[in-house]
Amino acid sequence: MPVVILGLGNLLMTDDGVGIHAVRALNADPPPDTIVREVGTRVFDALAVLLAGARIIAIDAIDAAQPPGSVIQFELDHDEPPEAPPSLHDFDLPALVRSLPPARRPRVIVVGVQPARVAPGLELSRTVAASLPTLLRAVRELAA
């Protein structure tokens, strides 16, 4: 089964759209044996592709009280409510994964970036844009 890479976030809210910007960059040269999908804030629409992978890499803006631009990684615990930093928008990836039968639950790794600015706008802040190469490198390493 391929690795599935999901780009999460709200493209209309500056740094909250980092997951979308990241998967758009990955689509130019996708890692081998991966499915790369732009999900945005429609996480429940990603159920079919979620079932297509044994391992999921979710890219998102994460408020982890770190310096802006910090790249953060953690694995979702789909058996218990997550203790990971909360997402900055209204979606519940852990609940979607927990809704699957236990034998069908994929391993989910979240790779996030601490936002510098979340406000209306289509462009990433300079700080988060500068962290995009580090984020993409981390995702490529996890997908290998």
Foldseek 3Di string as FASTA:
>chain_A
DAEEEEQEAALQWAQQRLSVVLLVVCVVPPAPRYHYYYQYQPLVVCLVVQLVDQEYEYEGAFAPVDPFLDKDKDKADLVDPGPGTDGPDDDDPSVSLVVDPPVRRHTYMYIYGHAPGTGGDNHHDPSNVVSSVVSNVVVSVVRD
